[in-house]
Amino acid sequence: MTKDKFLRGAMILTLAGLMVKIIGSVNRILLSRLLGGEGIGLYQMAYPVYLLMLSVSSAGIPIAISIIVAEKVAKGDFASAGRVFRVSLGLMAATGLVFAAGLYCAAGWLVDSGLVRDPRAYYGLVALTPAVFFATILASFRGYFQGYQMMTPPAVSQILEQFVRVVTMVVLAYYLLPYGLEYAAAGAAFGAVPGSITGLIVLSFFYLKNKLRWQQEISRQITEEPESIRKIAKRLVLLALPVSCANIMVPVTSSIDMLLVPNRLVESGFSVEEATTLFGYLTGMGMPLVMMATIPTLSLTASLVPAVSEAFTLGDRNSIDQKTNMAMKLCCLLTFPAAAGMWALAQPISKLLYGTPLAGEAIRNLAPSICLLGIHQITTGMLQGMGQTIIPMWNMLLSALVKAAAVWYLTALPCNIVGAAWASNINFGLAAALNIFFLIRSGITFKVYALGKILLAAVLMAAVSMLLYNYLIVYWGNTFATAVTIFAAGIVYLLTLIASGTIGRKELQKLPVIGSRFK
């Protein structure tokens, strides 16, 4: 492991996240061809319920376990780290069983009450029941490895889990389609079960592979009186609960757009069809680009939490400052150019990816969300690493309330969909600003001058991008002009960073895998 091993972990998780996204995109294309709009609709009625159950039952557990395990490992208390894992595993097994049974029992009520509109979605809900149990247990394993800052096992498990899930979904949907669309959709939903089982098997293999080494570490440490199961469980819950609540806020903020944006557009004078189209541009075309661009920062956050927790436990303030500033710098190095590029080339990107330039306005005005969401993710990880998991939850709640008000007032003429996009920017920006406020209060400082140079480099890159694209589009088609412009913009951005001294050989040497080439 390198000195800054959380960078290595972040790179591993980023590559895994991108592969999972690619596999998921292929899956969506194949399923759409098999099931059509109606079948996908049935699947989408069941799957969000499953995601909500997971958010409530286990979303905060990996972070909570990684924080506590990192603390124990930092002190050399490997026996307690193993005990935390065993307690969490038992707790999650019981929790997963309860929530799986709850989903099974609630499936009929969700349909009968009208919360799930189509009765045929019942089969999909029932098919997802076992996945809740296995995925909840899986969360304990992932948190344990993250606490040791071993990101390869979680990354491998995510990729194989997604692959098995997708293959099962497509195969079952294909073979069950002759029996009815509802059964084909249920078969697709059931893919989450063998997927989560595969992830569990993979992590169990890595656990057994490393168990002997951990036992040797335990045999060399001084025996201490172990913490009680009740004390460990209580701390896990206190750390995990705010994280789970914060994760629930993500679909809540998405629901704000779903509930308010179309209605406000109609009230502003748009027809229902026009409002639906504009809403599709915003949430179906613009927001996925934002989420794709922040995969690296999300991975960096997962790797940062145990690294900060380790340094915080040891009282190593210099290490905390170094890691937090490095994480913030990397976040800005990645998200500033992505946001600037998306702003400058919104319409060409829209035409290239979606076959229409009409989504360009929504995409352009969502571009700031890339850097604002990235900063929010990173600062949330910093606070969580210091054990302050409840602060990001309250910050997200407040920003969600402000977003609701912003959507209401801004999604009206003359702003319409541009106003809705800026409501998202306000949401992420306020949450990030509040996080930074509490970090500064905790003694964390950021090198604003260095971040400002990154911003200027991104702005220069955007200006060059617009000029170059406008020149190339005269002679070439949109695809070639956009591709060449993006490539050239990357070179301009990198050269500007080097010329300004923002990155040098010292920073390049810290990069995993390729860093040794710059020595």
Protein backbone atom coordinates (compact mmCIF):
# COMPACT_ATOMS: atom_id res chain seq x y z
CA MET A 1 0.00 0.00 0.00
CA THR A 2 1.16 3.53 -0.74
CA LYS A 3 1.47 6.20 1.92
CA ASP A 4 -1.77 7.74 0.72
CA LYS A 5 -3.53 4.39 0.42
CA PHE A 6 -6.96 5.95 0.37
CA LEU A 7 -6.09 7.27 -3.13
CA ARG A 8 -5.42 3.72 -4.26
CA GLY A 9 -8.73 2.64 -2.74
CA ALA A 10 -10.54 5.52 -4.41
CA MET A 11 -9.13 4.57 -7.82
CA ILE A 12 -10.14 0.93 -7.35
CA LEU A 13 -13.68 1.86 -6.31
CA THR A 14 -13.96 4.37 -9.17
CA LEU A 15 -13.04 1.77 -11.78
CA ALA A 16 -15.48 -0.66 -10.19
CA GLY A 17 -18.21 1.98 -10.14
CA LEU A 18 -17.70 2.77 -13.83
CA MET A 19 -17.81 -0.92 -14.76
CA VAL A 20 -20.99 -1.39 -12.72
CA LYS A 21 -22.55 1.59 -14.52
CA ILE A 22 -21.57 0.25 -17.93
CA ILE A 23 -22.99 -3.19 -17.16
CA GLY A 24 -26.15 -1.54 -15.83
CA SER A 25 -26.54 0.52 -19.00
CA VAL A 26 -26.27 -2.59 -21.17
CA ASN A 27 -28.84 -4.24 -18.94
CA ARG A 28 -31.28 -1.34 -19.31
CA ILE A 29 -30.99 -1.49 -23.11
CA LEU A 30 -31.57 -5.26 -23.24
CA LEU A 31 -34.46 -5.15 -20.77
CA SER A 32 -36.11 -2.29 -22.63
CA ARG A 33 -35.99 -4.31 -25.84
CA LEU A 34 -37.38 -7.40 -24.10
CA LEU A 35 -40.08 -5.90 -21.89
CA GLY A 36 -40.93 -2.64 -23.63
CA GLY A 37 -42.20 0.42 -21.81
CA GLU A 38 -44.98 -1.42 -19.99
CA GLY A 39 -42.69 -4.16 -18.66
CA ILE A 40 -40.05 -1.67 -17.56
CA GLY A 41 -42.81 0.27 -15.83
CA LEU A 42 -43.80 -2.83 -13.83
CA TYR A 43 -40.17 -3.40 -12.89
CA GLN A 44 -39.76 0.26 -11.86
CA MET A 45 -42.80 0.03 -9.60
CA ALA A 46 -41.16 -2.71 -7.54
CA TYR A 47 -37.46 -1.86 -7.58
CA PRO A 48 -37.63 1.58 -5.86
CA VAL A 49 -39.46 -0.07 -2.94
CA TYR A 50 -36.57 -2.52 -2.64
CA LEU A 51 -34.03 0.33 -2.72
CA LEU A 52 -35.96 2.16 0.00
CA MET A 53 -35.93 -0.96 2.20
CA LEU A 54 -32.17 -1.25 1.73
CA SER A 55 -31.69 2.45 2.52
CA VAL A 56 -33.54 2.05 5.80
CA SER A 57 -32.10 -1.33 6.80
CA SER A 58 -28.44 -1.12 5.82
CA ALA A 59 -27.35 2.02 3.96
CA GLY A 60 -25.43 3.45 6.91
CA ILE A 61 -23.90 0.20 8.11
CA PRO A 62 -20.81 0.06 5.82
CA ILE A 63 -19.78 3.56 6.87
CA ALA A 64 -20.47 2.90 10.57
CA ILE A 65 -18.47 -0.34 10.52
CA SER A 66 -15.63 1.22 8.53
CA ILE A 67 -15.36 4.07 11.07
CA ILE A 68 -15.24 1.78 14.12
CA VAL A 69 -12.97 -0.84 12.50
CA ALA A 70 -10.57 1.88 11.32
CA GLU A 71 -10.42 3.19 14.89
CA LYS A 72 -9.62 -0.27 16.26
CA VAL A 73 -7.01 -1.01 13.59
CA ALA A 74 -5.36 2.35 14.19
CA LYS A 75 -4.90 1.34 17.84
CA GLY A 76 -3.67 -2.11 16.86
CA ASP A 77 -6.72 -3.71 18.46
CA PHE A 78 -7.44 -6.30 15.78
CA ALA A 79 -9.42 -8.51 18.15
CA SER A 80 -11.95 -5.75 18.76
CA ALA A 81 -12.13 -5.04 15.02
CA GLY A 82 -13.11 -8.66 14.43
CA ARG A 83 -15.61 -8.51 17.26
CA VAL A 84 -17.23 -5.42 15.74
CA PHE A 85 -17.62 -7.31 12.48
CA ARG A 86 -19.18 -10.37 14.14
CA VAL A 87 -21.62 -8.24 16.12
CA SER A 88 -22.57 -6.24 13.02
CA LEU A 89 -23.02 -9.45 11.03
CA GLY A 90 -25.46 -10.83 13.58
CA LEU A 91 -27.25 -7.50 13.84
CA MET A 92 -27.57 -7.19 10.07
CA ALA A 93 -28.75 -10.79 9.68
CA ALA A 94 -31.58 -10.10 12.13
CA THR A 95 -32.35 -6.73 10.55
CA GLY A 96 -32.31 -8.18 7.04
CA LEU A 97 -34.67 -10.96 8.07
CA VAL A 98 -37.10 -8.48 9.60
CA PHE A 99 -37.11 -6.17 6.59
CA ALA A 100 -37.35 -9.05 4.12
CA ALA A 101 -40.36 -10.40 5.99
CA GLY A 102 -41.75 -6.87 6.14
CA LEU A 103 -41.50 -6.45 2.38
CA TYR A 104 -43.14 -9.81 1.77
CA CYS A 105 -46.04 -8.99 4.10
CA ALA A 106 -46.38 -5.41 2.83
CA ALA A 107 -46.38 -6.31 -0.88
CA GLY A 108 -50.11 -7.07 -0.96
CA TRP A 109 -50.95 -3.97 1.10
CA LEU A 110 -48.92 -1.71 -1.21
CA VAL A 111 -50.98 -2.93 -4.15
CA ASP A 112 -54.35 -2.92 -2.35
CA SER A 113 -53.82 0.58 -0.96
CA GLY A 114 -53.01 1.97 -4.39
CA LEU A 115 -49.48 3.10 -3.50
CA VAL A 116 -48.33 0.68 -6.19
CA ARG A 117 -50.77 1.40 -9.01
CA ASP A 118 -50.56 -1.78 -11.05
CA PRO A 119 -51.50 -5.05 -9.26
CA ARG A 120 -49.14 -6.93 -11.56
CA ALA A 121 -46.17 -5.34 -9.76
CA TYR A 122 -46.96 -7.57 -6.76
CA TYR A 123 -44.91 -10.42 -8.23
CA GLY A 124 -41.86 -8.17 -8.59
CA LEU A 125 -42.13 -7.04 -4.97
CA VAL A 126 -42.27 -10.62 -3.72
CA ALA A 127 -39.38 -11.66 -5.97
CA LEU A 128 -37.16 -8.99 -4.41
CA THR A 129 -37.82 -10.13 -0.83
CA PRO A 130 -34.80 -12.49 -0.45
CA ALA A 131 -32.47 -9.84 -1.91
CA VAL A 132 -33.20 -7.56 1.05
CA PHE A 133 -31.86 -10.21 3.43
CA PHE A 134 -28.67 -11.02 1.51
CA ALA A 135 -27.88 -7.41 0.58
CA THR A 136 -28.18 -6.34 4.22
CA ILE A 137 -25.65 -8.97 5.32
CA LEU A 138 -23.42 -7.95 2.42
CA ALA A 139 -23.24 -4.44 3.86
CA SER A 140 -21.41 -5.74 6.95
CA PHE A 141 -18.68 -7.39 4.88
CA ARG A 142 -18.15 -4.28 2.76
CA GLY A 143 -17.89 -2.04 5.81
CA TYR A 144 -15.36 -4.39 7.43
CA PHE A 145 -13.02 -4.39 4.44
CA GLN A 146 -13.38 -0.62 4.03
CA GLY A 147 -12.39 -0.21 7.69
CA TYR A 148 -9.13 -2.01 6.90
CA GLN A 149 -8.85 0.26 3.81
CA MET A 150 -8.91 -2.85 1.61
CA MET A 151 -11.01 -1.69 -1.34
CA THR A 152 -10.27 -4.48 -3.80
CA PRO A 153 -12.67 -7.03 -2.19
CA PRO A 154 -15.68 -4.64 -2.21
CA ALA A 155 -14.82 -3.55 -5.76
CA VAL A 156 -14.59 -7.11 -7.10
CA SER A 157 -17.79 -8.09 -5.31
CA GLN A 158 -19.66 -5.09 -6.80
CA ILE A 159 -18.62 -5.97 -10.35
CA LEU A 160 -19.43 -9.68 -10.06
CA GLU A 161 -22.67 -8.95 -8.22
CA GLN A 162 -23.79 -6.61 -11.00
CA PHE A 163 -22.74 -9.04 -13.73
CA VAL A 164 -24.63 -11.99 -12.23
CA ARG A 165 -27.61 -9.77 -11.51
CA VAL A 166 -27.80 -8.54 -15.10
CA VAL A 167 -27.37 -11.99 -16.66
CA THR A 168 -30.08 -13.42 -14.40
CA MET A 169 -32.42 -10.53 -15.12
CA VAL A 170 -32.15 -10.87 -18.88
CA VAL A 171 -32.34 -14.68 -18.91
CA LEU A 172 -35.36 -14.89 -16.60
CA ALA A 173 -37.16 -12.05 -18.37
CA TYR A 174 -36.63 -13.81 -21.70
CA TYR A 175 -37.85 -17.22 -20.53
CA LEU A 176 -40.79 -15.93 -18.48
CA LEU A 177 -42.08 -13.49 -21.09
CA PRO A 178 -44.35 -16.10 -22.78
CA TYR A 179 -46.15 -16.60 -19.44
CA GLY A 180 -47.03 -12.93 -19.10
CA LEU A 181 -45.41 -9.53 -18.79
CA GLU A 182 -45.86 -9.47 -15.01
CA TYR A 183 -43.85 -12.70 -14.63
CA ALA A 184 -41.11 -11.45 -16.94
CA ALA A 185 -40.82 -8.24 -14.88
CA ALA A 186 -40.75 -10.30 -11.68
CA GLY A 187 -38.00 -12.48 -13.16
CA ALA A 188 -35.99 -9.35 -13.92
CA ALA A 189 -36.50 -8.14 -10.36
CA PHE A 190 -35.39 -11.52 -8.99
CA GLY A 191 -31.96 -10.94 -10.55
CA ALA A 192 -31.04 -8.95 -7.43
CA VAL A 193 -31.15 -12.19 -5.39
CA PRO A 194 -28.40 -14.24 -7.12
CA GLY A 195 -26.49 -10.97 -7.56
CA SER A 196 -26.37 -10.27 -3.82
CA ILE A 197 -25.60 -13.92 -3.06
CA THR A 198 -22.66 -13.75 -5.49
CA GLY A 199 -21.36 -10.60 -3.79
CA LEU A 200 -21.65 -12.36 -0.43
CA ILE A 201 -19.74 -15.41 -1.67
CA VAL A 202 -16.96 -13.24 -3.12
CA LEU A 203 -16.49 -11.26 0.09
CA SER A 204 -16.63 -14.46 2.16
CA PHE A 205 -13.78 -15.80 0.02
CA PHE A 206 -11.69 -12.67 0.64
CA TYR A 207 -12.55 -12.84 4.36
CA LEU A 208 -11.34 -16.44 4.67
CA LYS A 209 -8.25 -15.58 2.61
CA ASN A 210 -7.26 -12.81 5.07
CA LYS A 211 -8.52 -14.44 8.26
CA LEU A 212 -5.22 -16.20 9.06
CA ARG A 213 -3.27 -12.94 8.79
CA TRP A 214 -5.75 -11.17 11.06
CA GLN A 215 -5.54 -14.01 13.60
CA GLN A 216 -1.76 -13.69 13.63
CA GLU A 217 -2.12 -9.97 14.37
CA ILE A 218 -4.53 -10.78 17.19
CA SER A 219 -2.14 -13.32 18.72
CA ARG A 220 0.60 -10.66 18.94
CA GLN A 221 -1.50 -7.99 20.65
CA ILE A 222 -2.00 -7.53 24.37
CA THR A 223 -5.26 -9.09 25.50
CA GLU A 224 -7.84 -6.57 26.66
CA GLU A 225 -11.32 -6.97 28.06
CA PRO A 226 -13.65 -6.99 25.03
CA GLU A 227 -16.44 -4.47 24.62
CA SER A 228 -19.91 -5.79 25.32
CA ILE A 229 -22.16 -6.71 22.42
CA ARG A 230 -24.67 -4.14 23.62
CA LYS A 231 -22.10 -1.33 23.58
CA ILE A 232 -20.87 -2.22 20.08
CA ALA A 233 -24.42 -2.54 18.73
CA LYS A 234 -25.42 0.80 20.29
CA ARG A 235 -22.47 2.61 18.68
CA LEU A 236 -23.15 1.00 15.31
CA VAL A 237 -26.75 2.16 15.41
CA LEU A 238 -25.85 5.69 16.56
CA LEU A 239 -23.38 6.05 13.69
CA ALA A 240 -25.43 4.26 11.04
CA LEU A 241 -28.85 5.78 11.70
CA PRO A 242 -27.98 9.35 10.61
CA VAL A 243 -26.22 7.98 7.50
CA SER A 244 -29.29 5.92 6.62
CA CYS A 245 -31.53 8.95 7.12
CA ALA A 246 -29.20 11.01 4.91
CA ASN A 247 -29.40 8.32 2.22
CA ILE A 248 -33.18 8.41 2.38
CA MET A 249 -32.96 12.13 1.62
CA VAL A 250 -31.52 11.33 -1.83
CA PRO A 251 -34.76 9.78 -3.18
CA VAL A 252 -36.69 12.43 -1.24
CA THR A 253 -34.97 15.25 -3.11
CA SER A 254 -35.60 13.40 -6.38
CA SER A 255 -39.26 13.15 -5.42
CA ILE A 256 -39.37 16.93 -5.00
CA ASP A 257 -38.61 17.29 -8.70
CA MET A 258 -41.10 14.58 -9.63
CA LEU A 259 -43.92 16.09 -7.57
CA LEU A 260 -43.37 19.81 -8.17
CA VAL A 261 -41.58 20.45 -11.47
CA PRO A 262 -44.20 19.11 -13.94
CA ASN A 263 -47.07 20.75 -12.05
CA ARG A 264 -45.32 24.11 -11.82
CA LEU A 265 -44.49 23.98 -15.54
CA VAL A 266 -48.16 23.31 -16.37
CA GLU A 267 -49.26 26.14 -14.09
CA SER A 268 -46.79 28.40 -15.94
CA GLY A 269 -48.58 27.79 -19.24
CA PHE A 270 -46.95 24.68 -20.69
CA SER A 271 -49.10 21.81 -21.90
CA VAL A 272 -48.87 18.48 -20.06
CA GLU A 273 -46.86 17.01 -22.94
CA GLU A 274 -44.44 19.96 -22.98
CA ALA A 275 -44.01 19.83 -19.20
CA THR A 276 -43.32 16.09 -19.33
CA THR A 277 -40.76 16.59 -22.08
CA LEU A 278 -38.93 19.34 -20.18
CA PHE A 279 -39.00 17.21 -17.03
CA GLY A 280 -37.47 14.35 -19.03
CA TYR A 281 -34.69 16.61 -20.25
CA LEU A 282 -33.89 17.58 -16.66
CA THR A 283 -34.14 14.28 -14.76
CA GLY A 284 -33.76 11.70 -17.51
CA MET A 285 -30.94 13.30 -19.50
CA GLY A 286 -29.23 15.98 -17.40
CA MET A 287 -29.17 14.39 -13.93
CA PRO A 288 -27.69 11.04 -15.09
CA LEU A 289 -24.70 12.97 -16.48
CA VAL A 290 -24.24 14.65 -13.10
CA MET A 291 -24.36 11.29 -11.32
CA MET A 292 -21.95 9.71 -13.78
CA ALA A 293 -19.45 12.57 -13.36
CA THR A 294 -19.49 12.21 -9.56
CA ILE A 295 -18.70 8.46 -9.47
CA PRO A 296 -14.99 9.25 -8.73
CA THR A 297 -15.86 11.59 -5.85
CA LEU A 298 -18.30 9.07 -4.40
CA SER A 299 -15.55 6.45 -4.51
CA LEU A 300 -13.06 8.89 -3.02
CA THR A 301 -15.51 9.51 -0.18
CA ALA A 302 -15.85 5.79 0.61
CA SER A 303 -12.06 5.52 0.79
CA LEU A 304 -11.64 8.78 2.72
CA VAL A 305 -13.93 7.91 5.64
CA PRO A 306 -11.75 5.16 7.22
CA ALA A 307 -8.56 7.11 6.40
CA VAL A 308 -9.79 10.18 8.31
CA SER A 309 -11.18 7.97 11.09
CA GLU A 310 -7.77 6.34 11.52
CA ALA A 311 -5.97 9.69 11.73
CA PHE A 312 -8.67 11.16 14.00
CA THR A 313 -8.35 8.21 16.40
CA LEU A 314 -4.57 8.67 16.60
CA GLY A 315 -5.00 12.43 17.11
CA ASP A 316 -2.84 13.05 14.07
CA ARG A 317 -4.00 16.52 13.07
CA ASN A 318 -1.36 16.87 10.35
CA SER A 319 -2.52 13.66 8.69
CA ILE A 320 -6.16 14.81 8.87
CA ASP A 321 -5.28 18.15 7.24
CA GLN A 322 -3.19 16.40 4.58
CA LYS A 323 -5.87 13.86 3.68
CA THR A 324 -8.78 16.30 3.72
CA ASN A 325 -6.93 18.85 1.59
CA MET A 326 -5.77 16.19 -0.82
CA ALA A 327 -9.32 14.86 -1.12
CA MET A 328 -10.74 18.34 -1.70
CA LYS A 329 -8.06 19.12 -4.29
CA LEU A 330 -8.73 15.86 -6.13
CA CYS A 331 -12.46 16.52 -5.99
CA CYS A 332 -12.01 19.94 -7.58
CA LEU A 333 -9.49 18.64 -10.13
CA LEU A 334 -12.12 16.15 -11.30
CA THR A 335 -15.41 18.02 -10.96
CA PHE A 336 -14.47 21.59 -11.99
CA PRO A 337 -13.49 20.60 -15.56
CA ALA A 338 -16.44 18.21 -15.82
CA ALA A 339 -18.84 21.00 -14.83
CA ALA A 340 -17.14 23.59 -17.05
CA GLY A 341 -17.07 21.21 -20.00
CA MET A 342 -20.71 20.27 -19.58
CA TRP A 343 -21.63 23.95 -19.44
CA ALA A 344 -19.63 24.82 -22.57
CA LEU A 345 -20.69 21.80 -24.66
CA ALA A 346 -24.18 21.15 -23.32
CA GLN A 347 -25.98 21.13 -26.67
CA PRO A 348 -23.31 19.14 -28.56
CA ILE A 349 -23.25 16.57 -25.74
CA SER A 350 -27.06 16.39 -25.75
CA LYS A 351 -27.11 15.80 -29.50
CA LEU A 352 -24.28 13.25 -29.32
CA LEU A 353 -25.74 11.18 -26.47
CA TYR A 354 -29.49 11.65 -26.85
CA GLY A 355 -29.93 12.52 -30.49
CA THR A 356 -31.43 15.94 -29.75
CA PRO A 357 -29.91 19.32 -28.86
CA LEU A 358 -33.12 20.36 -27.06
CA ALA A 359 -31.95 18.97 -23.71
CA GLY A 360 -28.94 21.27 -23.88
CA GLU A 361 -30.49 24.06 -21.84
CA ALA A 362 -31.33 21.77 -18.94
CA ILE A 363 -27.93 20.07 -19.13
CA ARG A 364 -26.05 23.39 -19.20
CA ASN A 365 -27.80 24.75 -16.15
CA LEU A 366 -27.33 21.50 -14.22
CA ALA A 367 -23.57 21.58 -14.85
CA PRO A 368 -22.71 23.39 -11.57
CA SER A 369 -24.30 20.48 -9.71
CA ILE A 370 -21.33 18.30 -10.66
CA CYS A 371 -18.81 20.25 -8.60
CA LEU A 372 -21.31 21.17 -5.87
CA LEU A 373 -22.44 17.56 -5.39
CA GLY A 374 -18.82 16.35 -5.51
CA ILE A 375 -17.80 18.81 -2.78
CA HIS A 376 -20.83 17.79 -0.74
CA GLN A 377 -19.87 14.11 -1.01
CA ILE A 378 -16.26 14.74 0.00
CA THR A 379 -17.09 17.01 2.93
CA THR A 380 -19.70 14.51 4.11
CA GLY A 381 -17.00 11.84 4.14
CA MET A 382 -14.71 14.12 6.17
CA LEU A 383 -17.39 14.70 8.81
CA GLN A 384 -18.30 11.02 8.93
CA GLY A 385 -14.65 10.06 9.32
CA MET A 386 -14.50 12.27 12.41
CA GLY A 387 -17.56 10.50 13.78
CA GLN A 388 -19.93 13.42 13.13
CA THR A 389 -22.43 11.47 11.06
CA ILE A 390 -25.47 13.41 12.25
CA ILE A 391 -24.32 16.80 10.89
CA PRO A 392 -24.55 15.88 7.17
CA MET A 393 -28.01 14.45 7.79
CA TRP A 394 -29.37 17.74 9.18
CA ASN A 395 -27.58 19.69 6.45
CA MET A 396 -29.22 17.54 3.77
CA LEU A 397 -32.63 17.95 5.39
CA LEU A 398 -32.32 21.74 5.48
CA SER A 399 -31.06 21.91 1.90
CA ALA A 400 -33.93 19.67 0.75
CA LEU A 401 -36.46 22.06 2.30
CA VAL A 402 -34.76 25.00 0.62
CA LYS A 403 -34.79 23.09 -2.67
CA ALA A 404 -38.56 22.53 -2.42
CA ALA A 405 -39.09 26.28 -2.01
CA ALA A 406 -36.63 27.02 -4.85
CA VAL A 407 -38.40 24.60 -7.20
CA TRP A 408 -41.74 26.21 -6.38
CA TYR A 409 -40.60 29.76 -7.06
CA LEU A 410 -38.03 29.24 -9.82
CA THR A 411 -39.89 26.70 -11.97
CA ALA A 412 -42.14 29.36 -13.43
CA LEU A 413 -41.90 31.72 -16.36
CA PRO A 414 -39.52 33.05 -17.46
CA CYS A 415 -37.17 30.55 -15.72
CA ASN A 416 -39.15 27.27 -16.22
CA ILE A 417 -36.79 24.27 -16.53
CA VAL A 418 -33.72 26.47 -16.03
CA GLY A 419 -35.13 27.44 -12.64
CA ALA A 420 -35.70 23.78 -11.75
CA ALA A 421 -32.06 23.04 -12.64
CA TRP A 422 -30.84 25.87 -10.43
CA ALA A 423 -32.98 24.56 -7.58
CA SER A 424 -30.80 21.42 -7.71
CA ASN A 425 -27.68 23.58 -7.74
CA ILE A 426 -28.95 25.42 -4.67
CA ASN A 427 -29.70 22.11 -2.96
CA PHE A 428 -26.21 20.65 -3.44
CA GLY A 429 -24.47 23.99 -2.92
CA LEU A 430 -26.18 24.73 0.39
CA ALA A 431 -25.52 21.22 1.72
CA ALA A 432 -21.83 21.54 0.73
CA ALA A 433 -21.52 25.01 2.25
CA LEU A 434 -23.01 23.86 5.56
CA ASN A 435 -20.64 20.89 5.66
CA ILE A 436 -17.68 23.20 5.06
CA PHE A 437 -18.88 25.53 7.82
CA PHE A 438 -18.89 22.69 10.36
CA LEU A 439 -15.52 21.41 9.14
CA ILE A 440 -13.96 24.85 9.63
CA ARG A 441 -15.49 24.96 13.11
CA SER A 442 -13.77 21.62 13.76
CA GLY A 443 -10.41 23.11 12.82
CA ILE A 444 -10.17 21.91 9.23
CA THR A 445 -8.73 24.48 6.82
CA PHE A 446 -8.67 24.41 3.02
CA LYS A 447 -6.14 25.88 0.61
CA VAL A 448 -8.47 28.25 -1.20
CA TYR A 449 -5.75 29.73 -3.40
CA ALA A 450 -4.88 26.33 -4.89
CA LEU A 451 -8.57 25.55 -5.49
CA GLY A 452 -8.99 28.94 -7.16
CA LYS A 453 -6.24 28.10 -9.65
CA ILE A 454 -8.07 24.87 -10.52
CA LEU A 455 -11.25 26.87 -11.13
CA LEU A 456 -9.45 29.31 -13.43
CA ALA A 457 -7.93 26.42 -15.39
CA ALA A 458 -11.41 24.91 -15.82
CA VAL A 459 -12.86 28.24 -16.98
CA LEU A 460 -10.03 28.66 -19.52
CA MET A 461 -10.66 25.11 -20.73
CA ALA A 462 -14.37 25.88 -21.20
CA ALA A 463 -13.62 29.01 -23.21
CA VAL A 464 -11.22 27.10 -25.49
CA SER A 465 -13.83 24.35 -25.86
CA MET A 466 -16.50 26.73 -27.10
CA LEU A 467 -14.17 28.43 -29.58
CA LEU A 468 -12.78 25.16 -30.90
CA TYR A 469 -16.18 23.48 -31.26
CA ASN A 470 -17.64 26.47 -33.11
CA TYR A 471 -14.69 26.30 -35.50
CA LEU A 472 -14.81 22.51 -36.06
CA ILE A 473 -18.57 22.21 -36.48
CA VAL A 474 -18.36 24.29 -39.65
CA TYR A 475 -16.25 21.60 -41.33
CA TRP A 476 -17.18 18.41 -39.49
CA GLY A 477 -20.27 16.79 -38.00
CA ASN A 478 -21.27 17.07 -34.36
CA THR A 479 -19.82 13.69 -33.31
CA PHE A 480 -16.31 14.36 -34.62
CA ALA A 481 -16.30 18.01 -33.53
CA THR A 482 -17.44 17.13 -30.00
CA ALA A 483 -14.99 14.25 -29.58
CA VAL A 484 -12.00 16.29 -30.80
CA THR A 485 -13.02 19.27 -28.66
CA ILE A 486 -13.27 17.16 -25.50
CA PHE A 487 -9.85 15.61 -26.17
CA ALA A 488 -8.25 18.99 -26.86
CA ALA A 489 -9.95 20.53 -23.82
CA GLY A 490 -8.42 17.84 -21.61
CA ILE A 491 -4.94 18.66 -22.93
CA VAL A 492 -5.48 22.40 -22.41
CA TYR A 493 -6.69 21.79 -18.86
CA LEU A 494 -3.72 19.57 -17.98
CA LEU A 495 -1.16 21.96 -19.47
CA THR A 496 -2.74 24.90 -17.63
CA LEU A 497 -2.55 23.03 -14.32
CA ILE A 498 1.13 22.20 -14.89
CA ALA A 499 1.98 25.74 -16.06
CA SER A 500 0.30 27.29 -13.01
CA GLY A 501 2.09 24.91 -10.65
CA THR A 502 -1.20 23.45 -9.45
CA ILE A 503 0.09 19.93 -10.08
CA GLY A 504 3.70 18.90 -10.32
CA ARG A 505 5.88 15.84 -10.07
CA LYS A 506 5.19 15.53 -6.34
CA GLU A 507 1.45 15.22 -6.92
CA LEU A 508 1.88 12.90 -9.90
CA GLN A 509 4.04 10.57 -7.81
CA LYS A 510 1.16 10.03 -5.40
CA LEU A 511 -1.07 8.57 -8.09
CA PRO A 512 -1.64 4.84 -7.68
CA VAL A 513 -0.22 2.49 -10.36
CA ILE A 514 1.29 5.19 -12.60
CA GLY A 515 2.87 7.36 -9.89
CA SER A 516 6.17 5.46 -9.92
CA ARG A 517 6.82 6.59 -13.50
CA PHE A 518 7.26 10.21 -12.39
CA LYS A 519 10.06 9.53 -9.89
